[in-house]
Amino acid sequence: LWYNNQLSNIVPQSLASNLDIMEDRHLRILLRHGLIPLITHCPVPARRTWLLPILGVLVPLMHGRLGSRWNQIMQGSSSSSAPQQQQQQQLSDEVVGETLLREVTREY
């Protein structure tokens, strides 16, 4: 499996594609059930062929993505001029978004 040239070209390329447009919840699932098992079970001689294409895309993407999302949370995005019900909904959305961001950060 690890030394099959066709698989070693197709699988990493497929896993690394479209990471930039994935929502955080989908990215978390991919990390947990796809990439982490691949990384932990990949034999050392096959790591260059299997992991380098994925990590070359994933690491810079995740660094930028998580950094910008955490900056947004640290700055805060609530406005005091909105009606109370809208503020509550916005606060609820922010809490869900922050929770998901924490989970993605933990998985990464």
C-alpha atoms as a PDB file:
ATOM      1  CA  LEU A   1       0.000   0.000   0.000  1.00  0.00           C
ATOM      2  CA  TRP A   2       2.625   2.550   1.047  1.00  0.00           C
ATOM      3  CA  TYR A   3       4.916   1.790  -1.858  1.00  0.00           C
ATOM      4  CA  ASN A   4       2.289   1.826  -4.605  1.00  0.00           C
ATOM      5  CA  ASN A   5       3.350   4.680  -6.891  1.00  0.00           C
ATOM      6  CA  GLN A   6      -0.143   5.368  -8.214  1.00  0.00           C
ATOM      7  CA  LEU A   7      -1.630   5.665  -4.732  1.00  0.00           C
ATOM      8  CA  SER A   8       1.249   7.750  -3.448  1.00  0.00           C
ATOM      9  CA  ASN A   9       0.539  10.283  -6.211  1.00  0.00           C
ATOM     10  CA  ILE A  10      -3.256  10.304  -6.067  1.00  0.00           C
ATOM     11  CA  VAL A  11      -4.107  10.167  -2.344  1.00  0.00           C
ATOM     12  CA  PRO A  12      -1.931  13.047  -1.064  1.00  0.00           C
ATOM     13  CA  GLN A  13      -2.953  15.213  -3.999  1.00  0.00           C
ATOM     14  CA  SER A  14      -6.638  14.475  -3.354  1.00  0.00           C
ATOM     15  CA  LEU A  15      -6.386  15.134   0.378  1.00  0.00           C
ATOM     16  CA  ALA A  16      -4.589  18.437  -0.154  1.00  0.00           C
ATOM     17  CA  SER A  17      -7.009  19.741  -2.771  1.00  0.00           C
ATOM     18  CA  ASN A  18      -9.697  22.270  -1.864  1.00  0.00           C
ATOM     19  CA  LEU A  19      -8.480  22.714   1.726  1.00  0.00           C
ATOM     20  CA  ASP A  20      -8.692  26.481   1.314  1.00  0.00           C
ATOM     21  CA  ILE A  21     -12.439  26.427   0.647  1.00  0.00           C
ATOM     22  CA  MET A  22     -13.431  23.852   3.281  1.00  0.00           C
ATOM     23  CA  GLU A  23     -15.451  24.984   6.259  1.00  0.00           C
ATOM     24  CA  ASP A  24     -13.832  24.486   9.653  1.00  0.00           C
ATOM     25  CA  ARG A  25     -16.164  21.622  10.582  1.00  0.00           C
ATOM     26  CA  HIS A  26     -15.239  19.695   7.431  1.00  0.00           C
ATOM     27  CA  LEU A  27     -11.563  20.448   7.849  1.00  0.00           C
ATOM     28  CA  ARG A  28     -11.691  19.127  11.409  1.00  0.00           C
ATOM     29  CA  ILE A  29     -13.172  15.833  10.191  1.00  0.00           C
ATOM     30  CA  LEU A  30     -10.521  15.538   7.491  1.00  0.00           C
ATOM     31  CA  LEU A  31      -7.760  16.188  10.012  1.00  0.00           C
ATOM     32  CA  ARG A  32      -9.106  13.772  12.602  1.00  0.00           C
ATOM     33  CA  HIS A  33     -10.105  10.877  10.355  1.00  0.00           C
ATOM     34  CA  GLY A  34      -7.875  11.318   7.331  1.00  0.00           C
ATOM     35  CA  LEU A  35      -4.630  13.140   7.900  1.00  0.00           C
ATOM     36  CA  ILE A  36      -3.756  12.261  11.498  1.00  0.00           C
ATOM     37  CA  PRO A  37      -4.102   8.483  10.892  1.00  0.00           C
ATOM     38  CA  LEU A  38      -2.130   8.842   7.657  1.00  0.00           C
ATOM     39  CA  ILE A  39       0.659  10.696   9.443  1.00  0.00           C
ATOM     40  CA  THR A  40       0.818   8.336  12.412  1.00  0.00           C
ATOM     41  CA  HIS A  41       0.772   5.122  10.372  1.00  0.00           C
ATOM     42  CA  CYS A  42       2.965   6.158   7.466  1.00  0.00           C
ATOM     43  CA  PRO A  43       6.298   4.286   7.522  1.00  0.00           C
ATOM     44  CA  VAL A  44       9.399   6.466   7.690  1.00  0.00           C
ATOM     45  CA  PRO A  45      10.723   5.580   4.199  1.00  0.00           C
ATOM     46  CA  ALA A  46       7.372   6.511   2.614  1.00  0.00           C
ATOM     47  CA  ARG A  47       6.882   9.824   4.429  1.00  0.00           C
ATOM     48  CA  ARG A  48       8.577  11.940   1.792  1.00  0.00           C
ATOM     49  CA  THR A  49       6.266  10.651  -0.943  1.00  0.00           C
ATOM     50  CA  TRP A  50       3.047  10.637   1.080  1.00  0.00           C
ATOM     51  CA  LEU A  51       3.312  13.462   3.590  1.00  0.00           C
ATOM     52  CA  LEU A  52       5.363  16.161   1.901  1.00  0.00           C
ATOM     53  CA  PRO A  53       2.693  17.031  -0.718  1.00  0.00           C
ATOM     54  CA  ILE A  54      -0.031  17.235   1.951  1.00  0.00           C
ATOM     55  CA  LEU A  55       1.934  19.087   4.618  1.00  0.00           C
ATOM     56  CA  GLY A  56       3.386  21.493   2.066  1.00  0.00           C
ATOM     57  CA  VAL A  57      -0.153  22.743   1.449  1.00  0.00           C
ATOM     58  CA  LEU A  58      -1.681  22.166   4.890  1.00  0.00           C
ATOM     59  CA  VAL A  59       0.850  23.847   7.193  1.00  0.00           C
ATOM     60  CA  PRO A  60       0.927  27.319   5.560  1.00  0.00           C
ATOM     61  CA  LEU A  61      -2.822  27.230   4.981  1.00  0.00           C
ATOM     62  CA  MET A  62      -3.613  26.320   8.587  1.00  0.00           C
ATOM     63  CA  HIS A  63      -1.152  28.870   9.947  1.00  0.00           C
ATOM     64  CA  GLY A  64      -2.781  31.681   8.001  1.00  0.00           C
ATOM     65  CA  ARG A  65      -6.319  30.472   8.542  1.00  0.00           C
ATOM     66  CA  LEU A  66      -6.057  29.918  12.291  1.00  0.00           C
ATOM     67  CA  GLY A  67      -4.096  33.126  12.793  1.00  0.00           C
ATOM     68  CA  SER A  68      -6.677  35.264  11.010  1.00  0.00           C
ATOM     69  CA  ARG A  69      -9.613  33.582  12.748  1.00  0.00           C
ATOM     70  CA  TRP A  70      -8.053  34.033  16.192  1.00  0.00           C
ATOM     71  CA  ASN A  71      -7.323  37.688  15.369  1.00  0.00           C
ATOM     72  CA  GLN A  72     -10.988  38.201  14.482  1.00  0.00           C
ATOM     73  CA  ILE A  73     -12.052  36.708  17.790  1.00  0.00           C
ATOM     74  CA  MET A  74      -9.539  38.755  19.765  1.00  0.00           C
ATOM     75  CA  GLN A  75     -10.726  41.985  18.113  1.00  0.00           C
ATOM     76  CA  GLY A  76     -14.395  41.195  18.707  1.00  0.00           C
ATOM     77  CA  SER A  77     -17.024  41.878  16.124  1.00  0.00           C
ATOM     78  CA  SER A  78     -20.162  42.834  18.037  1.00  0.00           C
ATOM     79  CA  SER A  79     -21.792  46.184  17.468  1.00  0.00           C
ATOM     80  CA  SER A  80     -23.828  47.967  20.113  1.00  0.00           C
ATOM     81  CA  SER A  81     -26.229  49.642  17.666  1.00  0.00           C
ATOM     82  CA  ALA A  82     -27.964  46.415  16.614  1.00  0.00           C
ATOM     83  CA  PRO A  83     -31.264  45.348  18.228  1.00  0.00           C
ATOM     84  CA  GLN A  84     -30.970  43.071  21.264  1.00  0.00           C
ATOM     85  CA  GLN A  85     -32.352  39.960  19.539  1.00  0.00           C
ATOM     86  CA  GLN A  86     -29.894  40.406  16.666  1.00  0.00           C
ATOM     87  CA  GLN A  87     -27.062  40.879  19.155  1.00  0.00           C
ATOM     88  CA  GLN A  88     -28.037  37.658  20.949  1.00  0.00           C
ATOM     89  CA  GLN A  89     -28.080  35.731  17.671  1.00  0.00           C
ATOM     90  CA  GLN A  90     -24.742  37.229  16.680  1.00  0.00           C
ATOM     91  CA  LEU A  91     -23.285  36.342  20.090  1.00  0.00           C
ATOM     92  CA  SER A  92     -24.592  32.788  19.747  1.00  0.00           C
ATOM     93  CA  ASP A  93     -23.031  32.497  16.278  1.00  0.00           C
ATOM     94  CA  GLU A  94     -19.733  33.832  17.618  1.00  0.00           C
ATOM     95  CA  VAL A  95     -19.727  31.290  20.463  1.00  0.00           C
ATOM     96  CA  VAL A  96     -20.372  28.420  18.049  1.00  0.00           C
ATOM     97  CA  GLY A  97     -17.715  29.722  15.673  1.00  0.00           C
ATOM     98  CA  GLU A  98     -15.180  30.114  18.476  1.00  0.00           C
ATOM     99  CA  THR A  99     -15.892  26.605  19.762  1.00  0.00           C
ATOM    100  CA  LEU A 100     -15.388  25.153  16.301  1.00  0.00           C
ATOM    101  CA  LEU A 101     -12.192  27.167  15.860  1.00  0.00           C
ATOM    102  CA  ARG A 102     -10.859  25.806  19.149  1.00  0.00           C
ATOM    103  CA  GLU A 103     -11.609  22.263  18.007  1.00  0.00           C
ATOM    104  CA  VAL A 104      -9.909  22.761  14.644  1.00  0.00           C
ATOM    105  CA  THR A 105      -6.912  24.334  16.391  1.00  0.00           C
ATOM    106  CA  ARG A 106      -6.716  21.390  18.782  1.00  0.00           C
ATOM    107  CA  GLU A 107      -6.902  18.879  15.924  1.00  0.00           C
ATOM    108  CA  TYR A 108      -4.214  20.711  13.970  1.00  0.00           C
END
